[in-house]
Amino acid sequence: MKVKVLCRNPDDYVRETTRDIQRVPRNYDPTLHPFEVPREYTRALNATKLERVFAKPFVASLDGHRDGISCIVKHSKSLSTVLSGACDGEVKVWNLPKRECMRTVQAHEGFVRGMCSRFCGTSFFTVGDDKTIKQWNMEAPGYGVREEPINTILGKAVFTGIDHHHREGTFATCGQTVDIWDEQRSSPIRSFSWGVDSFSCVRYNPVETELLASCASDRSVVLYDTRESAPLRKVIMQLRSNTLCWNPMEAYYFTCANEDYNLYTYDIRHLDVPVTVHMDHVSAVLDVDYSPTGREFVSASFDKTVRIFQKDKGHSREVYHTKRMQHVISVRWSADNKYIMSGSDEMNIRLWKANASEKLGLLSTREKAAANYNKKLMEKFQHHPQVRRIARHRHLPRDVLKQKREQREMKEARRRKEQNVRKHSKPGSVPLVTEKEKHVVAVVE
């Protein structure tokens, strides 16, 4: 006689403690779940709505400066330390977790034009309108000891920017020329110029550390190799670029912030056409900084907004603004990829979340699992009209909205005029120029 016995393992259905949730056996056979996709769609829609409800990006405001913020610098080794320079020559060192100023230095007469931290984090450099480069100790002096720079170099002209090498004791400044300096010498070891009267920004490549790029007043972006005696090449654009930033993960890519309200991502191997044109700002873009992952960057604009772009997308995924925030001069993305710092005209440094709806603090395992599940659902249904409409919607200041509408009408009028000219001209006489090609004038080797 054959006896069939049901055998079950108690580990599959018995809770370990009474506080645990009940274990429910599940059969994943798709034929048993005919309404799985509609159910997931509803969950994705709810998750998208809740993400917009909980999107509260503003974290804190650091006030203490008595003039507009001209530059912000991250500490090269410490996540919690940030330095800021103002238009009255004052430099402040901030502790972000405590949200307080640890130290104030009267560094220059007039504007602080540029700052950078040494690669080891022991000191920082400042340049100002008083034609000096000053090196300061990162640690505050003892009680009663007067604040003095470690080293002071007097230049022949005003310096407009500075950046430090990522591995060696050399740094670069820009002004009337781009100069390479050794920390131990009081005169530049190399100077580069290419028939340009002034430069506004200079940046070392964080990956290929011998490469440099600078923005010049003749609307060009110039590339240098510190091992060479002359500049490598330059790309001349329709309008002037204010600043640029290298991608920290991809050595060949950099993004420059332009006066024509756009940002341009270039590949240095093919400078004749930008890889991507990033459009959304309605006024000149003044600063740009990449996230540590290299997948996104943040931009600051004269239109009083901060925008976050994905490196390969033409439009921003996020826009931050407040009623009190004026023209945003400088912006930085924190090294832990969680926060964004913006410095503006009205003497405040603001701290924002990089992901507007992210919950701060410790998360339980179930909260993490739920967040990841909702994220995947939103990715799965991101192209559905309802989900896309809710995810894309942003409230903008009335002025920005009005300017966007005006720009759209002007762009449409230019496109219509171009079509009419082409229609009434000899075939082939009016070439079709793509949006990417319009903004580059020439590439000079």
Protein backbone atom coordinates (compact mmCIF):
# COMPACT_ATOMS: atom_id res chain seq x y z
CA MET A 1 0.00 0.00 0.00
CA LYS A 2 1.37 3.45 -1.04
CA VAL A 3 0.90 6.35 1.34
CA LYS A 4 1.38 9.93 0.10
CA VAL A 5 2.45 12.41 2.77
CA LEU A 6 2.45 16.22 2.56
CA CYS A 7 5.82 17.46 3.78
CA ARG A 8 6.37 21.15 4.55
CA ASN A 9 9.40 22.93 5.87
CA PRO A 10 8.35 25.24 8.76
CA ASP A 11 11.12 27.71 7.78
CA ASP A 12 9.08 28.62 4.69
CA TYR A 13 5.98 29.85 6.50
CA VAL A 14 6.74 30.31 10.23
CA ARG A 15 7.83 33.78 11.43
CA GLU A 16 11.11 33.99 13.32
CA THR A 17 9.59 36.43 15.85
CA THR A 18 6.08 37.72 16.44
CA ARG A 19 7.14 41.18 15.24
CA ASP A 20 8.00 39.92 11.74
CA ILE A 21 5.47 40.19 8.93
CA GLN A 22 3.59 37.02 7.94
CA ARG A 23 5.28 34.88 5.29
CA VAL A 24 3.03 34.31 2.31
CA PRO A 25 3.88 31.65 -0.32
CA ARG A 26 3.79 33.00 -3.87
CA ASN A 27 3.49 31.33 -7.23
CA TYR A 28 5.15 33.46 -9.92
CA ASP A 29 3.45 31.72 -12.84
CA PRO A 30 2.30 34.61 -15.14
CA THR A 31 -0.91 32.77 -16.09
CA LEU A 32 -2.05 33.05 -12.47
CA HIS A 33 -1.52 36.85 -12.46
CA PRO A 34 -3.38 38.23 -15.49
CA PHE A 35 -3.63 41.78 -14.06
CA GLU A 36 0.02 42.18 -13.07
CA VAL A 37 0.84 44.94 -15.60
CA PRO A 38 -2.23 47.12 -14.79
CA ARG A 39 -1.43 46.74 -11.10
CA GLU A 40 2.20 47.73 -11.68
CA TYR A 41 1.13 50.70 -13.78
CA THR A 42 -1.10 51.98 -10.96
CA ARG A 43 1.79 51.59 -8.52
CA ALA A 44 4.15 53.42 -10.89
CA LEU A 45 1.65 56.27 -11.25
CA ASN A 46 1.26 56.54 -7.47
CA ALA A 47 5.04 56.38 -6.96
CA THR A 48 5.53 59.22 -9.50
CA LYS A 49 2.89 61.35 -7.78
CA LEU A 50 4.41 60.72 -4.35
CA GLU A 51 7.87 61.58 -5.68
CA ARG A 52 6.59 65.01 -6.75
CA VAL A 53 4.75 65.45 -3.41
CA PHE A 54 7.92 64.75 -1.40
CA ALA A 55 10.25 66.76 -3.68
CA LYS A 56 11.65 69.20 -1.10
CA PRO A 57 15.19 69.89 -2.36
CA PHE A 58 16.20 72.82 -0.12
CA VAL A 59 18.27 71.68 2.87
CA ALA A 60 19.95 74.70 4.46
CA SER A 61 21.23 78.24 3.95
CA LEU A 62 24.69 79.37 5.06
CA ASP A 63 24.69 83.11 5.70
CA GLY A 64 27.51 85.26 7.02
CA HIS A 65 29.06 86.91 3.97
CA ARG A 66 28.63 90.66 3.57
CA ASP A 67 28.83 90.68 -0.24
CA GLY A 68 27.89 88.43 -3.16
CA ILE A 69 29.50 84.97 -3.36
CA SER A 70 32.02 84.90 -6.22
CA CYS A 71 33.36 81.32 -5.89
CA ILE A 72 32.84 78.07 -3.96
CA VAL A 73 35.50 75.35 -3.56
CA LYS A 74 35.25 71.80 -2.18
CA HIS A 75 37.91 70.48 0.19
CA SER A 76 39.90 67.84 -1.72
CA LYS A 77 39.90 65.35 1.20
CA SER A 78 37.08 66.32 3.58
CA LEU A 79 33.38 65.97 2.71
CA SER A 80 32.25 68.30 5.47
CA THR A 81 34.47 71.30 4.61
CA VAL A 82 33.63 73.92 1.97
CA LEU A 83 35.37 77.23 1.21
CA SER A 84 33.69 80.30 -0.23
CA GLY A 85 35.05 83.61 -1.53
CA ALA A 86 33.08 86.86 -1.72
CA CYS A 87 33.21 90.06 -3.74
CA ASP A 88 34.61 92.00 -0.76
CA GLY A 89 37.79 89.88 -0.62
CA GLU A 90 36.60 87.73 2.30
CA VAL A 91 37.10 83.94 2.40
CA LYS A 92 35.08 81.73 4.76
CA VAL A 93 35.61 78.08 5.71
CA TRP A 94 32.33 76.27 6.46
CA ASN A 95 31.46 73.11 8.38
CA LEU A 96 28.50 71.62 6.48
CA PRO A 97 27.13 69.14 9.09
CA LYS A 98 27.05 71.89 11.74
CA ARG A 99 26.12 74.55 9.14
CA GLU A 100 28.41 77.11 10.69
CA CYS A 101 31.42 79.20 9.69
CA MET A 102 34.63 77.89 11.28
CA ARG A 103 36.96 80.62 10.05
CA THR A 104 37.02 83.96 8.22
CA VAL A 105 40.02 85.35 6.31
CA GLN A 106 40.29 88.79 4.73
CA ALA A 107 42.26 87.46 1.76
CA HIS A 108 42.27 90.25 -0.86
CA GLU A 109 41.48 93.86 -1.65
CA GLY A 110 38.48 93.70 -3.98
CA PHE A 111 36.97 90.56 -5.49
CA VAL A 112 38.17 87.03 -4.76
CA ARG A 113 38.39 85.95 -8.42
CA GLY A 114 39.28 82.30 -7.90
CA MET A 115 40.10 79.65 -5.31
CA CYS A 116 41.38 76.08 -5.30
CA SER A 117 42.30 73.45 -2.72
CA ARG A 118 45.69 71.71 -2.81
CA PHE A 119 45.41 68.03 -3.85
CA CYS A 120 46.47 66.85 -0.34
CA GLY A 121 44.04 69.19 1.43
CA THR A 122 46.64 70.90 3.66
CA SER A 123 46.30 74.38 2.13
CA PHE A 124 44.30 76.42 -0.37
CA PHE A 125 45.12 79.14 -2.91
CA THR A 126 43.25 82.36 -3.67
CA VAL A 127 43.61 84.99 -6.41
CA GLY A 128 42.06 88.45 -6.40
CA ASP A 129 41.77 91.88 -7.95
CA ASP A 130 44.90 93.02 -6.10
CA LYS A 131 47.10 91.03 -8.58
CA THR A 132 48.25 88.55 -5.89
CA ILE A 133 48.24 84.77 -5.47
CA LYS A 134 48.07 83.75 -1.82
CA GLN A 135 48.51 80.33 -0.24
CA TRP A 136 46.73 79.79 3.09
CA ASN A 137 46.95 77.02 5.66
CA MET A 138 43.76 74.93 5.83
CA GLU A 139 44.03 74.73 9.63
CA ALA A 140 43.12 77.86 11.59
CA PRO A 141 45.98 79.52 13.52
CA GLY A 142 46.13 79.24 17.30
CA TYR A 143 44.32 81.61 19.64
CA GLY A 144 45.78 85.12 19.47
CA VAL A 145 47.94 84.32 16.42
CA ARG A 146 47.42 86.68 13.49
CA GLU A 147 46.10 85.20 10.23
CA GLU A 148 48.91 85.32 7.66
CA PRO A 149 49.28 83.58 4.28
CA ILE A 150 51.98 80.90 3.90
CA ASN A 151 53.10 82.43 0.63
CA THR A 152 52.23 85.53 -1.44
CA ILE A 153 53.10 86.05 -5.11
CA LEU A 154 52.63 89.46 -6.75
CA GLY A 155 51.70 89.23 -10.43
CA LYS A 156 51.91 91.75 -13.28
CA ALA A 157 48.17 91.70 -14.06
CA VAL A 158 44.85 90.73 -12.45
CA PHE A 159 44.31 86.97 -12.15
CA THR A 160 40.81 85.77 -13.04
CA GLY A 161 41.06 82.08 -12.15
CA ILE A 162 43.21 79.37 -10.56
CA ASP A 163 43.28 75.57 -10.45
CA HIS A 164 45.65 73.09 -8.82
CA HIS A 165 47.22 69.97 -10.35
CA HIS A 166 45.56 66.80 -9.04
CA ARG A 167 48.79 64.96 -8.20
CA GLU A 168 51.74 67.38 -8.16
CA GLY A 169 52.77 70.65 -6.51
CA THR A 170 51.97 72.85 -9.50
CA PHE A 171 49.02 75.11 -10.24
CA ALA A 172 47.69 77.14 -13.16
CA THR A 173 46.36 80.70 -13.22
CA CYS A 174 44.67 82.69 -15.95
CA GLY A 175 44.43 86.40 -16.64
CA GLN A 176 46.12 88.02 -19.63
CA THR A 177 47.91 84.67 -20.17
CA VAL A 178 47.61 81.11 -18.84
CA ASP A 179 50.55 80.54 -16.48
CA ILE A 180 51.86 77.32 -14.92
CA TRP A 181 53.45 77.85 -11.49
CA ASP A 182 55.59 75.76 -9.18
CA GLU A 183 54.69 76.18 -5.50
CA GLN A 184 58.38 76.75 -4.65
CA ARG A 185 58.93 79.57 -7.17
CA SER A 186 57.70 83.14 -7.39
CA SER A 187 57.61 83.31 -11.20
CA PRO A 188 55.71 81.09 -13.66
CA ILE A 189 57.59 78.10 -15.12
CA ARG A 190 55.57 78.34 -18.35
CA SER A 191 53.18 80.81 -19.98
CA PHE A 192 50.71 80.17 -22.79
CA SER A 193 49.03 82.81 -24.96
CA TRP A 194 47.30 82.64 -28.34
CA GLY A 195 46.62 86.23 -29.39
CA VAL A 196 43.92 86.66 -26.76
CA ASP A 197 43.65 89.64 -24.42
CA SER A 198 42.22 87.75 -21.42
CA PHE A 199 41.08 84.37 -20.06
CA SER A 200 38.20 83.86 -17.64
CA CYS A 201 38.66 80.28 -16.44
CA VAL A 202 41.29 77.52 -16.34
CA ARG A 203 40.76 73.86 -15.38
CA TYR A 204 43.04 70.82 -15.02
CA ASN A 205 41.76 67.49 -16.29
CA PRO A 206 41.24 65.19 -13.25
CA VAL A 207 42.03 62.01 -15.26
CA GLU A 208 44.67 63.05 -17.82
CA THR A 209 46.33 65.38 -15.32
CA GLU A 210 48.68 67.08 -17.82
CA LEU A 211 45.76 68.44 -19.87
CA LEU A 212 44.40 71.96 -19.31
CA ALA A 213 41.48 73.88 -20.77
CA SER A 214 40.65 77.58 -20.57
CA CYS A 215 37.88 79.93 -21.69
CA ALA A 216 39.10 83.02 -23.55
CA SER A 217 37.53 86.42 -24.25
CA ASP A 218 37.64 85.89 -28.05
CA ARG A 219 34.76 83.33 -27.70
CA SER A 220 37.17 80.39 -27.77
CA VAL A 221 37.87 77.36 -25.56
CA VAL A 222 41.61 76.56 -25.66
CA LEU A 223 43.26 73.20 -24.86
CA TYR A 224 46.82 72.86 -23.53
CA ASP A 225 49.26 70.11 -22.64
CA THR A 226 51.69 71.15 -19.89
CA ARG A 227 54.39 68.98 -21.50
CA GLU A 228 54.19 71.03 -24.71
CA SER A 229 55.51 74.54 -25.29
CA ALA A 230 52.43 75.84 -27.17
CA PRO A 231 48.64 75.38 -26.90
CA LEU A 232 47.18 72.32 -28.65
CA ARG A 233 44.03 73.64 -30.32
CA LYS A 234 41.02 75.86 -29.78
CA VAL A 235 37.37 75.90 -30.77
CA ILE A 236 35.80 79.29 -31.49
CA MET A 237 32.07 79.60 -30.77
CA GLN A 238 29.36 82.14 -31.59
CA LEU A 239 29.38 83.61 -28.06
CA ARG A 240 31.81 83.62 -25.13
CA SER A 241 32.05 80.71 -22.68
CA ASN A 242 32.14 81.75 -19.02
CA THR A 243 33.54 78.58 -17.45
CA LEU A 244 34.04 74.88 -18.09
CA CYS A 245 34.31 71.60 -16.19
CA TRP A 246 35.92 68.27 -17.11
CA ASN A 247 34.02 65.01 -16.74
CA PRO A 248 35.74 63.23 -13.79
CA MET A 249 35.05 59.77 -15.26
CA GLU A 250 35.62 60.30 -18.99
CA ALA A 251 38.92 62.02 -19.72
CA TYR A 252 38.02 63.27 -23.20
CA TYR A 253 34.79 65.11 -22.32
CA PHE A 254 34.23 68.59 -20.92
CA THR A 255 31.19 70.85 -20.64
CA CYS A 256 31.35 74.64 -21.05
CA ALA A 257 28.79 77.20 -19.86
CA ASN A 258 28.03 79.78 -22.53
CA GLU A 259 26.61 83.30 -22.77
CA ASP A 260 23.99 82.11 -25.30
CA TYR A 261 21.98 80.43 -22.48
CA ASN A 262 23.22 76.93 -23.43
CA LEU A 263 25.82 74.44 -22.23
CA TYR A 264 27.95 72.42 -24.65
CA THR A 265 29.55 69.04 -24.03
CA TYR A 266 32.59 68.47 -26.24
CA ASP A 267 34.81 65.51 -27.05
CA ILE A 268 38.37 66.88 -27.37
CA ARG A 269 39.04 64.44 -30.24
CA HIS A 270 36.21 65.97 -32.33
CA LEU A 271 35.90 69.65 -31.47
CA ASP A 272 34.15 70.66 -34.70
CA VAL A 273 30.73 69.54 -33.39
CA PRO A 274 29.62 69.39 -29.73
CA VAL A 275 28.47 65.97 -28.49
CA THR A 276 25.36 67.49 -26.84
CA VAL A 277 23.78 70.94 -26.61
CA HIS A 278 22.03 71.39 -23.25
CA MET A 279 19.19 73.94 -23.51
CA ASP A 280 16.79 75.18 -20.82
CA HIS A 281 18.24 78.28 -19.19
CA VAL A 282 16.80 81.64 -20.20
CA SER A 283 19.86 83.74 -19.40
CA ALA A 284 23.68 83.46 -19.45
CA VAL A 285 25.06 80.33 -17.75
CA LEU A 286 27.71 81.36 -15.23
CA ASP A 287 29.02 78.13 -13.69
CA VAL A 288 28.97 74.35 -14.15
CA ASP A 289 30.17 71.38 -12.10
CA TYR A 290 30.04 67.61 -12.64
CA SER A 291 28.80 65.01 -10.18
CA PRO A 292 31.51 62.56 -8.95
CA THR A 293 29.87 59.80 -11.03
CA GLY A 294 30.30 61.82 -14.24
CA ARG A 295 26.71 61.05 -15.32
CA GLU A 296 25.19 64.42 -14.43
CA PHE A 297 26.21 68.03 -13.98
CA VAL A 298 24.72 71.09 -12.33
CA SER A 299 24.64 74.58 -13.83
CA ALA A 300 24.11 78.06 -12.35
CA SER A 301 22.61 80.87 -14.35
CA PHE A 302 21.94 84.61 -14.37
CA ASP A 303 18.20 83.73 -14.57
CA LYS A 304 18.24 82.93 -10.79
CA THR A 305 17.88 79.15 -11.21
CA VAL A 306 20.04 76.07 -10.70
CA ARG A 307 19.49 73.19 -13.14
CA ILE A 308 20.62 69.56 -13.16
CA PHE A 309 21.33 67.94 -16.54
CA GLN A 310 22.15 64.38 -17.51
CA LYS A 311 25.37 64.41 -19.53
CA ASP A 312 23.75 62.97 -22.68
CA LYS A 313 20.35 64.71 -22.51
CA GLY A 314 19.53 68.07 -24.06
CA HIS A 315 17.08 69.22 -21.37
CA SER A 316 17.37 69.45 -17.58
CA ARG A 317 15.85 66.83 -15.29
CA GLU A 318 15.52 69.25 -12.36
CA VAL A 319 15.34 72.99 -11.69
CA TYR A 320 15.82 74.66 -8.28
CA HIS A 321 14.81 78.23 -7.39
CA THR A 322 13.62 80.26 -4.41
CA LYS A 323 11.92 83.65 -4.09
CA ARG A 324 14.94 85.24 -2.44
CA MET A 325 17.70 83.73 -4.58
CA GLN A 326 19.20 86.22 -7.01
CA HIS A 327 21.69 85.65 -9.87
CA VAL A 328 23.53 82.39 -9.13
CA ILE A 329 27.25 82.99 -9.59
CA SER A 330 28.82 79.67 -8.55
CA VAL A 331 27.73 76.08 -7.98
CA ARG A 332 29.38 72.86 -6.77
CA TRP A 333 28.34 69.19 -6.50
CA SER A 334 29.47 67.51 -3.25
CA ALA A 335 31.95 64.63 -3.41
CA ASP A 336 29.46 62.13 -1.91
CA ASN A 337 27.02 62.77 -4.81
CA LYS A 338 24.19 63.75 -2.42
CA TYR A 339 24.22 67.54 -2.24
CA ILE A 340 24.60 70.66 -4.39
CA MET A 341 25.92 74.02 -3.13
CA SER A 342 25.01 77.28 -4.85
CA GLY A 343 26.35 80.76 -4.15
CA SER A 344 24.38 83.79 -5.30
CA ASP A 345 24.34 87.57 -5.38
CA GLU A 346 22.38 88.02 -2.17
CA MET A 347 25.27 86.78 0.03
CA ASN A 348 23.91 83.27 0.73
CA ILE A 349 25.23 79.78 0.10
CA ARG A 350 22.38 77.33 -0.30
CA LEU A 351 22.55 73.58 0.20
CA TRP A 352 20.25 71.45 -2.00
CA LYS A 353 19.59 67.73 -2.35
CA ALA A 354 20.89 66.29 -5.62
CA ASN A 355 17.81 64.06 -5.71
CA ALA A 356 14.90 66.31 -4.70
CA SER A 357 12.61 63.59 -3.25
CA GLU A 358 15.33 61.54 -1.54
CA LYS A 359 14.72 60.85 2.16
CA LEU A 360 17.65 61.96 4.32
CA GLY A 361 18.94 59.97 7.28
CA LEU A 362 19.05 56.24 7.95
CA LEU A 363 16.65 54.00 6.01
CA SER A 364 15.38 50.64 7.15
CA THR A 365 15.77 47.61 4.86
CA ARG A 366 12.09 47.73 3.92
CA GLU A 367 12.28 51.45 3.09
CA LYS A 368 15.28 50.82 0.82
CA ALA A 369 13.51 47.91 -0.89
CA ALA A 370 10.35 49.98 -1.41
CA ALA A 371 12.37 52.93 -2.81
CA ASN A 372 14.26 50.67 -5.24
CA TYR A 373 11.01 48.95 -6.32
CA ASN A 374 9.30 52.30 -6.97
CA LYS A 375 12.34 53.55 -8.90
CA LYS A 376 12.29 50.49 -11.17
CA LEU A 377 8.54 50.84 -11.72
CA MET A 378 8.94 54.50 -12.73
CA GLU A 379 11.74 53.53 -15.14
CA LYS A 380 9.54 50.79 -16.64
CA PHE A 381 6.57 53.12 -17.26
CA GLN A 382 8.51 56.38 -17.81
CA HIS A 383 7.32 56.78 -21.42
CA HIS A 384 3.62 56.38 -20.60
CA PRO A 385 1.88 59.75 -21.19
CA GLN A 386 0.40 60.14 -17.68
CA VAL A 387 3.58 59.12 -15.84
CA ARG A 388 5.76 61.29 -18.09
CA ARG A 389 3.48 64.32 -17.66
CA ILE A 390 3.59 64.13 -13.85
CA ALA A 391 7.34 63.39 -13.70
CA ARG A 392 8.25 66.30 -16.00
CA HIS A 393 6.04 68.95 -14.40
CA ARG A 394 7.90 71.74 -12.58
CA HIS A 395 6.77 75.05 -11.13
CA LEU A 396 8.84 77.93 -12.50
CA PRO A 397 9.00 81.63 -11.57
CA ARG A 398 6.73 83.76 -13.74
CA ASP A 399 9.66 85.65 -15.30
CA VAL A 400 11.43 82.44 -16.34
CA LEU A 401 8.21 81.01 -17.77
CA LYS A 402 7.57 84.21 -19.75
CA GLN A 403 11.14 84.25 -21.12
CA LYS A 404 10.91 80.57 -22.11
CA ARG A 405 7.74 81.30 -24.04
CA GLU A 406 9.38 84.27 -25.80
CA GLN A 407 12.44 82.19 -26.70
CA ARG A 408 10.25 79.42 -28.09
CA GLU A 409 8.39 81.93 -30.32
CA MET A 410 11.67 83.48 -31.53
CA LYS A 411 13.14 80.07 -32.32
CA GLU A 412 10.01 79.04 -34.19
CA ALA A 413 10.09 82.31 -36.19
CA ARG A 414 13.75 81.75 -37.15
CA ARG A 415 12.99 78.17 -38.23
CA ARG A 416 10.00 79.31 -40.29
CA LYS A 417 12.04 82.03 -41.98
CA GLU A 418 14.80 79.56 -42.80
CA GLN A 419 12.27 77.17 -44.33
CA ASN A 420 10.79 79.96 -46.46
CA VAL A 421 14.24 81.04 -47.71
CA ARG A 422 15.08 77.43 -48.59
CA LYS A 423 11.73 76.95 -50.31
CA HIS A 424 12.24 79.98 -52.59
CA SER A 425 15.93 79.42 -53.33
CA LYS A 426 17.75 77.26 -55.82
CA PRO A 427 17.87 73.62 -54.56
CA GLY A 428 21.05 73.05 -52.55
CA SER A 429 22.02 76.74 -52.32
CA VAL A 430 20.83 77.06 -48.67
CA PRO A 431 22.40 74.19 -46.74
CA LEU A 432 20.61 72.54 -43.81
CA VAL A 433 22.62 73.27 -40.64
CA THR A 434 21.92 71.16 -37.55
CA GLU A 435 21.48 72.66 -34.09
CA LYS A 436 24.87 71.29 -32.97
CA GLU A 437 26.76 72.78 -35.95
CA LYS A 438 25.21 76.26 -35.64
CA HIS A 439 27.19 77.32 -32.59
CA VAL A 440 30.76 76.43 -33.69
CA VAL A 441 32.55 79.01 -35.86
CA ALA A 442 35.92 77.31 -36.35
CA VAL A 443 38.46 74.90 -34.89
CA VAL A 444 42.06 76.19 -34.96
CA GLU A 445 44.94 73.73 -34.62
